[in-house]
Amino acid sequence: MAMPRPTVAQLACGSCTVVLSTLAMLLLSGASSGPGVAAVAVAALALGLLAAVKLPLARPRPVPVRPAAGRTARPAPVRATVGAPVREPVRERAAS
């Protein structure tokens, strides 16, 4: 089974979650060492992934119902009428 592609809303929500949660965790924890910043980054990525996955997917469009085999509906004929072209008087430029 093919894996579905993420929607634009999922990408936007996940990205915003990663950025905002990273800033919030760095400000609240005061982490300044390498391992501390790495742990904050990994946690933010996990939160972003969770937010993107939990966002509801777009619902598939319903399939139109076809009529039964013996009862095919004939489309009504289309009649198009084209009117006569409208003639406008010719306007000549005055000589200058």
PDB file of N, CA and C in Angstrom:
ATOM      1  N   MET A   1       0.845  -1.177   0.000  1.00  0.00           N
ATOM      2  CA  MET A   1       0.000   0.000   0.000  1.00  0.00           C
ATOM      3  C   MET A   1       0.892   1.243   0.000  1.00  0.00           C
ATOM      4  N   ALA A   2       0.559   2.170  -0.874  1.00  0.00           N
ATOM      5  CA  ALA A   2       1.370   3.381  -0.989  1.00  0.00           C
ATOM      6  C   ALA A   2       1.112   4.311   0.184  1.00  0.00           C
ATOM      7  N   MET A   3       2.150   4.960   0.614  1.00  0.00           N
ATOM      8  CA  MET A   3       2.023   5.898   1.721  1.00  0.00           C
ATOM      9  C   MET A   3       1.453   7.213   1.199  1.00  0.00           C
ATOM     10  N   PRO A   4       0.407   7.752   1.845  1.00  0.00           N
ATOM     11  CA  PRO A   4      -0.182   9.005   1.344  1.00  0.00           C
ATOM     12  C   PRO A   4       0.754  10.187   1.562  1.00  0.00           C
ATOM     13  N   ARG A   5       0.691  11.135   0.644  1.00  0.00           N
ATOM     14  CA  ARG A   5       1.528  12.331   0.761  1.00  0.00           C
ATOM     15  C   ARG A   5       0.914  13.296   1.764  1.00  0.00           C
ATOM     16  N   PRO A   6       1.749  14.019   2.500  1.00  0.00           N
ATOM     17  CA  PRO A   6       1.192  14.987   3.457  1.00  0.00           C
ATOM     18  C   PRO A   6       0.572  16.171   2.728  1.00  0.00           C
ATOM     19  N   THR A   7      -0.467  16.717   3.326  1.00  0.00           N
ATOM     20  CA  THR A   7      -1.125  17.881   2.741  1.00  0.00           C
ATOM     21  C   THR A   7      -0.367  19.148   3.134  1.00  0.00           C
ATOM     22  N   VAL A   8      -0.727  20.232   2.501  1.00  0.00           N
ATOM     23  CA  VAL A   8      -0.085  21.519   2.803  1.00  0.00           C
ATOM     24  C   VAL A   8      -0.365  21.910   4.252  1.00  0.00           C
ATOM     25  N   ALA A   9      -1.580  21.642   4.710  1.00  0.00           N
ATOM     26  CA  ALA A   9      -1.921  21.981   6.096  1.00  0.00           C
ATOM     27  C   ALA A   9      -1.084  21.178   7.086  1.00  0.00           C
ATOM     28  N   GLN A  10      -0.837  19.914   6.779  1.00  0.00           N
ATOM     29  CA  GLN A  10      -0.013  19.097   7.669  1.00  0.00           C
ATOM     30  C   GLN A  10       1.425  19.607   7.712  1.00  0.00           C
ATOM     31  N   LEU A  11       1.957  19.957   6.554  1.00  0.00           N
ATOM     32  CA  LEU A  11       3.332  20.479   6.526  1.00  0.00           C
ATOM     33  C   LEU A  11       3.446  21.796   7.285  1.00  0.00           C
ATOM     34  N   ALA A  12       2.475  22.680   7.093  1.00  0.00           N
ATOM     35  CA  ALA A  12       2.512  23.977   7.771  1.00  0.00           C
ATOM     36  C   ALA A  12       2.363  23.813   9.280  1.00  0.00           C
ATOM     37  N   CYS A  13       1.442  22.970   9.687  1.00  0.00           N
ATOM     38  CA  CYS A  13       1.211  22.770  11.127  1.00  0.00           C
ATOM     39  C   CYS A  13       2.431  22.136  11.793  1.00  0.00           C
ATOM     40  N   GLY A  14       3.016  21.129  11.140  1.00  0.00           N
ATOM     41  CA  GLY A  14       4.201  20.481  11.700  1.00  0.00           C
ATOM     42  C   GLY A  14       5.378  21.427  11.790  1.00  0.00           C
ATOM     43  N   SER A  15       5.582  22.235  10.743  1.00  0.00           N
ATOM     44  CA  SER A  15       6.709  23.172  10.739  1.00  0.00           C
ATOM     45  C   SER A  15       6.559  24.237  11.811  1.00  0.00           C
ATOM     46  N   CYS A  16       5.366  24.790  11.931  1.00  0.00           N
ATOM     47  CA  CYS A  16       5.138  25.806  12.967  1.00  0.00           C
ATOM     48  C   CYS A  16       5.312  25.218  14.361  1.00  0.00           C
ATOM     49  N   THR A  17       4.866  23.982  14.545  1.00  0.00           N
ATOM     50  CA  THR A  17       5.025  23.336  15.846  1.00  0.00           C
ATOM     51  C   THR A  17       6.495  23.154  16.184  1.00  0.00           C
ATOM     52  N   VAL A  18       7.299  22.741  15.215  1.00  0.00           N
ATOM     53  CA  VAL A  18       8.730  22.541  15.459  1.00  0.00           C
ATOM     54  C   VAL A  18       9.396  23.858  15.852  1.00  0.00           C
ATOM     55  N   VAL A  19       9.136  24.905  15.087  1.00  0.00           N
ATOM     56  CA  VAL A  19       9.803  26.183  15.353  1.00  0.00           C
ATOM     57  C   VAL A  19       9.381  26.758  16.702  1.00  0.00           C
ATOM     58  N   LEU A  20       8.073  26.806  16.936  1.00  0.00           N
ATOM     59  CA  LEU A  20       7.591  27.418  18.176  1.00  0.00           C
ATOM     60  C   LEU A  20       7.949  26.588  19.412  1.00  0.00           C
ATOM     61  N   SER A  21       7.876  25.269  19.308  1.00  0.00           N
ATOM     62  CA  SER A  21       8.221  24.457  20.479  1.00  0.00           C
ATOM     63  C   SER A  21       9.726  24.506  20.754  1.00  0.00           C
ATOM     64  N   THR A  22      10.541  24.614  19.716  1.00  0.00           N
ATOM     65  CA  THR A  22      11.986  24.749  19.935  1.00  0.00           C
ATOM     66  C   THR A  22      12.299  26.041  20.682  1.00  0.00           C
ATOM     67  N   LEU A  23      11.711  27.142  20.208  1.00  0.00           N
ATOM     68  CA  LEU A  23      11.951  28.417  20.893  1.00  0.00           C
ATOM     69  C   LEU A  23      11.462  28.378  22.342  1.00  0.00           C
ATOM     70  N   ALA A  24      10.271  27.832  22.549  1.00  0.00           N
ATOM     71  CA  ALA A  24       9.721  27.798  23.907  1.00  0.00           C
ATOM     72  C   ALA A  24      10.566  26.934  24.830  1.00  0.00           C
ATOM     73  N   MET A  25      10.980  25.757  24.352  1.00  0.00           N
ATOM     74  CA  MET A  25      11.766  24.871  25.220  1.00  0.00           C
ATOM     75  C   MET A  25      13.155  25.440  25.501  1.00  0.00           C
ATOM     76  N   LEU A  26      13.755  26.100  24.501  1.00  0.00           N
ATOM     77  CA  LEU A  26      15.073  26.694  24.746  1.00  0.00           C
ATOM     78  C   LEU A  26      14.985  27.847  25.741  1.00  0.00           C
ATOM     79  N   LEU A  27      13.919  28.654  25.620  1.00  0.00           N
ATOM     80  CA  LEU A  27      13.770  29.763  26.564  1.00  0.00           C
ATOM     81  C   LEU A  27      13.430  29.276  27.970  1.00  0.00           C
ATOM     82  N   LEU A  28      12.578  28.268  28.075  1.00  0.00           N
ATOM     83  CA  LEU A  28      12.173  27.789  29.400  1.00  0.00           C
ATOM     84  C   LEU A  28      13.252  26.959  30.087  1.00  0.00           C
ATOM     85  N   SER A  29      14.002  26.169  29.314  1.00  0.00           N
ATOM     86  CA  SER A  29      14.993  25.297  29.946  1.00  0.00           C
ATOM     87  C   SER A  29      16.325  26.011  30.167  1.00  0.00           C
ATOM     88  N   GLY A  30      16.610  27.005  29.347  1.00  0.00           N
ATOM     89  CA  GLY A  30      17.884  27.700  29.480  1.00  0.00           C
ATOM     90  C   GLY A  30      19.056  26.836  29.043  1.00  0.00           C
ATOM     91  N   ALA A  31      18.790  25.857  28.183  1.00  0.00           N
ATOM     92  CA  ALA A  31      19.848  24.958  27.730  1.00  0.00           C
ATOM     93  C   ALA A  31      20.825  25.719  26.848  1.00  0.00           C
ATOM     94  N   SER A  32      22.113  25.574  27.144  1.00  0.00           N
ATOM     95  CA  SER A  32      23.128  26.238  26.332  1.00  0.00           C
ATOM     96  C   SER A  32      24.229  25.271  25.916  1.00  0.00           C
ATOM     97  N   SER A  33      24.227  24.063  26.469  1.00  0.00           N
ATOM     98  CA  SER A  33      25.250  23.084  26.097  1.00  0.00           C
ATOM     99  C   SER A  33      24.798  22.335  24.845  1.00  0.00           C
ATOM    100  N   GLY A  34      25.727  21.703  24.178  1.00  0.00           N
ATOM    101  CA  GLY A  34      25.438  20.955  22.958  1.00  0.00           C
ATOM    102  C   GLY A  34      24.411  19.846  23.155  1.00  0.00           C
ATOM    103  N   PRO A  35      24.608  18.974  24.150  1.00  0.00           N
ATOM    104  CA  PRO A  35      23.632  17.902  24.349  1.00  0.00           C
ATOM    105  C   PRO A  35      22.245  18.420  24.755  1.00  0.00           C
ATOM    106  N   GLY A  36      22.205  19.509  25.493  1.00  0.00           N
ATOM    107  CA  GLY A  36      20.912  20.075  25.893  1.00  0.00           C
ATOM    108  C   GLY A  36      20.144  20.621  24.705  1.00  0.00           C
ATOM    109  N   VAL A  37      20.848  21.335  23.826  1.00  0.00           N
ATOM    110  CA  VAL A  37      20.211  21.887  22.627  1.00  0.00           C
ATOM    111  C   VAL A  37      19.786  20.752  21.704  1.00  0.00           C
ATOM    112  N   ALA A  38      20.591  19.704  21.587  1.00  0.00           N
ATOM    113  CA  ALA A  38      20.245  18.559  20.749  1.00  0.00           C
ATOM    114  C   ALA A  38      18.998  17.859  21.277  1.00  0.00           C
ATOM    115  N   ALA A  39      18.898  17.725  22.585  1.00  0.00           N
ATOM    116  CA  ALA A  39      17.713  17.088  23.171  1.00  0.00           C
ATOM    117  C   ALA A  39      16.467  17.924  22.913  1.00  0.00           C
ATOM    118  N   VAL A  40      16.587  19.241  23.019  1.00  0.00           N
ATOM    119  CA  VAL A  40      15.457  20.133  22.738  1.00  0.00           C
ATOM    120  C   VAL A  40      15.050  20.012  21.267  1.00  0.00           C
ATOM    121  N   ALA A  41      16.031  19.946  20.364  1.00  0.00           N
ATOM    122  CA  ALA A  41      15.740  19.849  18.932  1.00  0.00           C
ATOM    123  C   ALA A  41      15.041  18.534  18.607  1.00  0.00           C
ATOM    124  N   VAL A  42      15.493  17.438  19.196  1.00  0.00           N
ATOM    125  CA  VAL A  42      14.867  16.136  18.946  1.00  0.00           C
ATOM    126  C   VAL A  42      13.440  16.125  19.488  1.00  0.00           C
ATOM    127  N   ALA A  43      13.238  16.690  20.668  1.00  0.00           N
ATOM    128  CA  ALA A  43      11.894  16.743  21.236  1.00  0.00           C
ATOM    129  C   ALA A  43      10.967  17.611  20.386  1.00  0.00           C
ATOM    130  N   ALA A  44      11.480  18.718  19.858  1.00  0.00           N
ATOM    131  CA  ALA A  44      10.668  19.593  19.014  1.00  0.00           C
ATOM    132  C   ALA A  44      10.302  18.899  17.705  1.00  0.00           C
ATOM    133  N   LEU A  45      11.241  18.177  17.120  1.00  0.00           N
ATOM    134  CA  LEU A  45      10.936  17.430  15.897  1.00  0.00           C
ATOM    135  C   LEU A  45       9.880  16.363  16.149  1.00  0.00           C
ATOM    136  N   ALA A  46       9.963  15.692  17.288  1.00  0.00           N
ATOM    137  CA  ALA A  46       8.957  14.680  17.621  1.00  0.00           C
ATOM    138  C   ALA A  46       7.576  15.322  17.800  1.00  0.00           C
ATOM    139  N   LEU A  47       7.531  16.480  18.440  1.00  0.00           N
ATOM    140  CA  LEU A  47       6.249  17.181  18.597  1.00  0.00           C
ATOM    141  C   LEU A  47       5.684  17.639  17.251  1.00  0.00           C
ATOM    142  N   GLY A  48       6.554  18.123  16.377  1.00  0.00           N
ATOM    143  CA  GLY A  48       6.105  18.544  15.054  1.00  0.00           C
ATOM    144  C   GLY A  48       5.559  17.394  14.239  1.00  0.00           C
ATOM    145  N   LEU A  49       6.225  16.258  14.310  1.00  0.00           N
ATOM    146  CA  LEU A  49       5.752  15.071  13.606  1.00  0.00           C
ATOM    147  C   LEU A  49       4.411  14.611  14.166  1.00  0.00           C
ATOM    148  N   LEU A  50       4.277  14.621  15.464  1.00  0.00           N
ATOM    149  CA  LEU A  50       3.011  14.227  16.090  1.00  0.00           C
ATOM    150  C   LEU A  50       1.886  15.175  15.705  1.00  0.00           C
ATOM    151  N   ALA A  51       2.158  16.464  15.670  1.00  0.00           N
ATOM    152  CA  ALA A  51       1.134  17.437  15.294  1.00  0.00           C
ATOM    153  C   ALA A  51       0.711  17.258  13.845  1.00  0.00           C
ATOM    154  N   ALA A  52       1.656  16.982  12.956  1.00  0.00           N
ATOM    155  CA  ALA A  52       1.328  16.797  11.539  1.00  0.00           C
ATOM    156  C   ALA A  52       0.536  15.515  11.309  1.00  0.00           C
ATOM    157  N   VAL A  53       0.869  14.463  12.043  1.00  0.00           N
ATOM    158  CA  VAL A  53       0.178  13.187  11.859  1.00  0.00           C
ATOM    159  C   VAL A  53      -1.237  13.243  12.423  1.00  0.00           C
ATOM    160  N   LYS A  54      -1.430  13.944  13.518  1.00  0.00           N
ATOM    161  CA  LYS A  54      -2.747  14.002  14.159  1.00  0.00           C
ATOM    162  C   LYS A  54      -3.719  14.944  13.458  1.00  0.00           C
ATOM    163  N   LEU A  55      -3.226  15.786  12.550  1.00  0.00           N
ATOM    164  CA  LEU A  55      -4.104  16.680  11.811  1.00  0.00           C
ATOM    165  C   LEU A  55      -4.966  15.836  10.884  1.00  0.00           C
ATOM    166  N   PRO A  56      -6.280  16.058  10.857  1.00  0.00           N
ATOM    167  CA  PRO A  56      -7.137  15.197  10.029  1.00  0.00           C
ATOM    168  C   PRO A  56      -6.819  15.363   8.543  1.00  0.00           C
ATOM    169  N   LEU A  57      -6.859  14.234   7.836  1.00  0.00           N
ATOM    170  CA  LEU A  57      -6.607  14.247   6.405  1.00  0.00           C
ATOM    171  C   LEU A  57      -7.830  14.759   5.664  1.00  0.00           C
ATOM    172  N   ALA A  58      -7.602  15.232   4.448  1.00  0.00           N
ATOM    173  CA  ALA A  58      -8.715  15.668   3.611  1.00  0.00           C
ATOM    174  C   ALA A  58      -9.548  14.444   3.237  1.00  0.00           C
ATOM    175  N   ARG A  59     -10.859  14.606   3.291  1.00  0.00           N
ATOM    176  CA  ARG A  59     -11.737  13.486   2.961  1.00  0.00           C
ATOM    177  C   ARG A  59     -11.794  13.291   1.453  1.00  0.00           C
ATOM    178  N   PRO A  60     -11.791  12.043   1.008  1.00  0.00           N
ATOM    179  CA  PRO A  60     -11.896  11.814  -0.432  1.00  0.00           C
ATOM    180  C   PRO A  60     -13.273  12.216  -0.944  1.00  0.00           C
ATOM    181  N   ARG A  61     -13.317  12.651  -2.182  1.00  0.00           N
ATOM    182  CA  ARG A  61     -14.582  13.068  -2.778  1.00  0.00           C
ATOM    183  C   ARG A  61     -15.452  11.849  -3.031  1.00  0.00           C
ATOM    184  N   PRO A  62     -16.754  11.993  -2.852  1.00  0.00           N
ATOM    185  CA  PRO A  62     -17.624  10.839  -3.082  1.00  0.00           C
ATOM    186  C   PRO A  62     -17.678  10.482  -4.569  1.00  0.00           C
ATOM    187  N   VAL A  63     -17.783   9.193  -4.839  1.00  0.00           N
ATOM    188  CA  VAL A  63     -17.864   8.701  -6.215  1.00  0.00           C
ATOM    189  C   VAL A  63     -19.294   8.859  -6.695  1.00  0.00           C
ATOM    190  N   PRO A  64     -19.523   9.452  -7.882  1.00  0.00           N
ATOM    191  CA  PRO A  64     -20.895   9.610  -8.366  1.00  0.00           C
ATOM    192  C   PRO A  64     -21.538   8.256  -8.646  1.00  0.00           C
ATOM    193  N   VAL A  65     -22.821   8.159  -8.363  1.00  0.00           N
ATOM    194  CA  VAL A  65     -23.560   6.918  -8.552  1.00  0.00           C
ATOM    195  C   VAL A  65     -23.998   6.831 -10.003  1.00  0.00           C
ATOM    196  N   ARG A  66     -23.742   5.681 -10.633  1.00  0.00           N
ATOM    197  CA  ARG A  66     -24.144   5.476 -12.020  1.00  0.00           C
ATOM    198  C   ARG A  66     -25.522   4.823 -12.050  1.00  0.00           C
ATOM    199  N   PRO A  67     -26.320   5.132 -13.068  1.00  0.00           N
ATOM    200  CA  PRO A  67     -27.640   4.503 -13.156  1.00  0.00           C
ATOM    201  C   PRO A  67     -27.509   3.013 -13.461  1.00  0.00           C
ATOM    202  N   ALA A  68     -28.586   2.263 -13.218  1.00  0.00           N
ATOM    203  CA  ALA A  68     -28.599   0.828 -13.456  1.00  0.00           C
ATOM    204  C   ALA A  68     -28.383   0.556 -14.943  1.00  0.00           C
ATOM    205  N   ALA A  69     -27.984  -0.689 -15.275  1.00  0.00           N
ATOM    206  CA  ALA A  69     -27.625  -1.034 -16.650  1.00  0.00           C
ATOM    207  C   ALA A  69     -28.793  -0.859 -17.619  1.00  0.00           C
ATOM    208  N   GLY A  70     -29.994  -1.213 -17.221  1.00  0.00           N
ATOM    209  CA  GLY A  70     -31.136  -1.133 -18.125  1.00  0.00           C
ATOM    210  C   GLY A  70     -31.746   0.247 -18.204  1.00  0.00           C
ATOM    211  N   ARG A  71     -31.440   1.107 -17.302  1.00  0.00           N
ATOM    212  CA  ARG A  71     -32.072   2.428 -17.219  1.00  0.00           C
ATOM    213  C   ARG A  71     -31.051   3.534 -17.445  1.00  0.00           C
ATOM    214  N   THR A  72     -30.644   3.690 -18.654  1.00  0.00           N
ATOM    215  CA  THR A  72     -29.695   4.762 -18.945  1.00  0.00           C
ATOM    216  C   THR A  72     -30.472   6.016 -19.315  1.00  0.00           C
ATOM    217  N   ALA A  73     -30.139   7.087 -18.715  1.00  0.00           N
ATOM    218  CA  ALA A  73     -30.819   8.351 -18.983  1.00  0.00           C
ATOM    219  C   ALA A  73     -30.191   9.003 -20.205  1.00  0.00           C
ATOM    220  N   ARG A  74     -31.021   9.405 -21.137  1.00  0.00           N
ATOM    221  CA  ARG A  74     -30.522  10.086 -22.326  1.00  0.00           C
ATOM    222  C   ARG A  74     -30.428  11.565 -22.031  1.00  0.00           C
ATOM    223  N   PRO A  75     -29.294  12.168 -22.340  1.00  0.00           N
ATOM    224  CA  PRO A  75     -29.196  13.614 -22.099  1.00  0.00           C
ATOM    225  C   PRO A  75     -30.079  14.372 -23.082  1.00  0.00           C
ATOM    226  N   ALA A  76     -30.626  15.466 -22.629  1.00  0.00           N
ATOM    227  CA  ALA A  76     -31.477  16.290 -23.474  1.00  0.00           C
ATOM    228  C   ALA A  76     -30.623  16.967 -24.539  1.00  0.00           C
ATOM    229  N   PRO A  77     -31.158  17.082 -25.767  1.00  0.00           N
ATOM    230  CA  PRO A  77     -30.373  17.735 -26.810  1.00  0.00           C
ATOM    231  C   PRO A  77     -30.184  19.216 -26.502  1.00  0.00           C
ATOM    232  N   VAL A  78     -29.048  19.720 -26.874  1.00  0.00           N
ATOM    233  CA  VAL A  78     -28.734  21.121 -26.638  1.00  0.00           C
ATOM    234  C   VAL A  78     -28.908  21.871 -27.945  1.00  0.00           C
ATOM    235  N   ARG A  79     -29.703  22.929 -27.900  1.00  0.00           N
ATOM    236  CA  ARG A  79     -29.916  23.735 -29.092  1.00  0.00           C
ATOM    237  C   ARG A  79     -29.306  25.109 -28.858  1.00  0.00           C
ATOM    238  N   ALA A  80     -28.383  25.431 -29.702  1.00  0.00           N
ATOM    239  CA  ALA A  80     -27.730  26.732 -29.591  1.00  0.00           C
ATOM    240  C   ALA A  80     -28.144  27.591 -30.776  1.00  0.00           C
ATOM    241  N   THR A  81     -28.525  28.798 -30.499  1.00  0.00           N
ATOM    242  CA  THR A  81     -28.865  29.727 -31.577  1.00  0.00           C
ATOM    243  C   THR A  81     -27.874  30.866 -31.572  1.00  0.00           C
ATOM    244  N   VAL A  82     -27.488  31.239 -32.756  1.00  0.00           N
ATOM    245  CA  VAL A  82     -26.536  32.328 -32.906  1.00  0.00           C
ATOM    246  C   VAL A  82     -27.258  33.450 -33.629  1.00  0.00           C
ATOM    247  N   GLY A  83     -27.292  34.599 -33.014  1.00  0.00           N
ATOM    248  CA  GLY A  83     -27.967  35.744 -33.605  1.00  0.00           C
ATOM    249  C   GLY A  83     -27.146  36.349 -34.730  1.00  0.00           C
ATOM    250  N   ALA A  84     -27.796  37.175 -35.507  1.00  0.00           N
ATOM    251  CA  ALA A  84     -27.106  37.855 -36.590  1.00  0.00           C
ATOM    252  C   ALA A  84     -26.115  38.853 -36.010  1.00  0.00           C
ATOM    253  N   PRO A  85     -24.974  39.044 -36.673  1.00  0.00           N
ATOM    254  CA  PRO A  85     -23.987  39.990 -36.135  1.00  0.00           C
ATOM    255  C   PRO A  85     -24.528  41.412 -36.181  1.00  0.00           C
ATOM    256  N   VAL A  86     -24.185  42.185 -35.183  1.00  0.00           N
ATOM    257  CA  VAL A  86     -24.628  43.569 -35.098  1.00  0.00           C
ATOM    258  C   VAL A  86     -23.654  44.424 -35.897  1.00  0.00           C
ATOM    259  N   ARG A  87     -24.190  45.200 -36.806  1.00  0.00           N
ATOM    260  CA  ARG A  87     -23.335  46.053 -37.643  1.00  0.00           C
ATOM    261  C   ARG A  87     -23.298  47.451 -37.037  1.00  0.00           C
ATOM    262  N   GLU A  88     -22.101  47.939 -36.825  1.00  0.00           N
ATOM    263  CA  GLU A  88     -21.938  49.278 -36.301  1.00  0.00           C
ATOM    264  C   GLU A  88     -21.563  50.212 -37.448  1.00  0.00           C
ATOM    265  N   PRO A  89     -21.993  51.461 -37.356  1.00  0.00           N
ATOM    266  CA  PRO A  89     -21.630  52.393 -38.418  1.00  0.00           C
ATOM    267  C   PRO A  89     -20.127  52.657 -38.411  1.00  0.00           C
ATOM    268  N   VAL A  90     -19.575  52.831 -39.588  1.00  0.00           N
ATOM    269  CA  VAL A  90     -18.153  53.077 -39.729  1.00  0.00           C
ATOM    270  C   VAL A  90     -17.869  54.536 -39.405  1.00  0.00           C
ATOM    271  N   ARG A  91     -16.919  54.762 -38.554  1.00  0.00           N
ATOM    272  CA  ARG A  91     -16.552  56.116 -38.161  1.00  0.00           C
ATOM    273  C   ARG A  91     -15.214  56.440 -38.801  1.00  0.00           C
ATOM    274  N   GLU A  92     -15.187  57.473 -39.591  1.00  0.00           N
ATOM    275  CA  GLU A  92     -13.944  57.852 -40.240  1.00  0.00           C
ATOM    276  C   GLU A  92     -13.304  58.996 -39.489  1.00  0.00           C
ATOM    277  N   ARG A  93     -11.992  59.001 -39.491  1.00  0.00           N
ATOM    278  CA  ARG A  93     -11.264  60.067 -38.823  1.00  0.00           C
ATOM    279  C   ARG A  93     -11.277  61.318 -39.668  1.00  0.00           C
ATOM    280  N   ALA A  94     -11.349  62.425 -38.996  1.00  0.00           N
ATOM    281  CA  ALA A  94     -11.277  63.707 -39.717  1.00  0.00           C
ATOM    282  C   ALA A  94      -9.839  63.983 -40.088  1.00  0.00           C
ATOM    283  N   ALA A  95      -9.630  64.504 -41.262  1.00  0.00           N
ATOM    284  CA  ALA A  95      -8.267  64.817 -41.731  1.00  0.00           C
ATOM    285  C   ALA A  95      -7.745  66.011 -40.942  1.00  0.00           C
ATOM    286  N   SER A  96      -6.511  65.901 -40.500  1.00  0.00           N
ATOM    287  CA  SER A  96      -5.948  67.015 -39.749  1.00  0.00           C
ATOM    288  C   SER A  96      -4.775  67.618 -40.435  1.00  0.00           C
TER     289      SER A  96
END
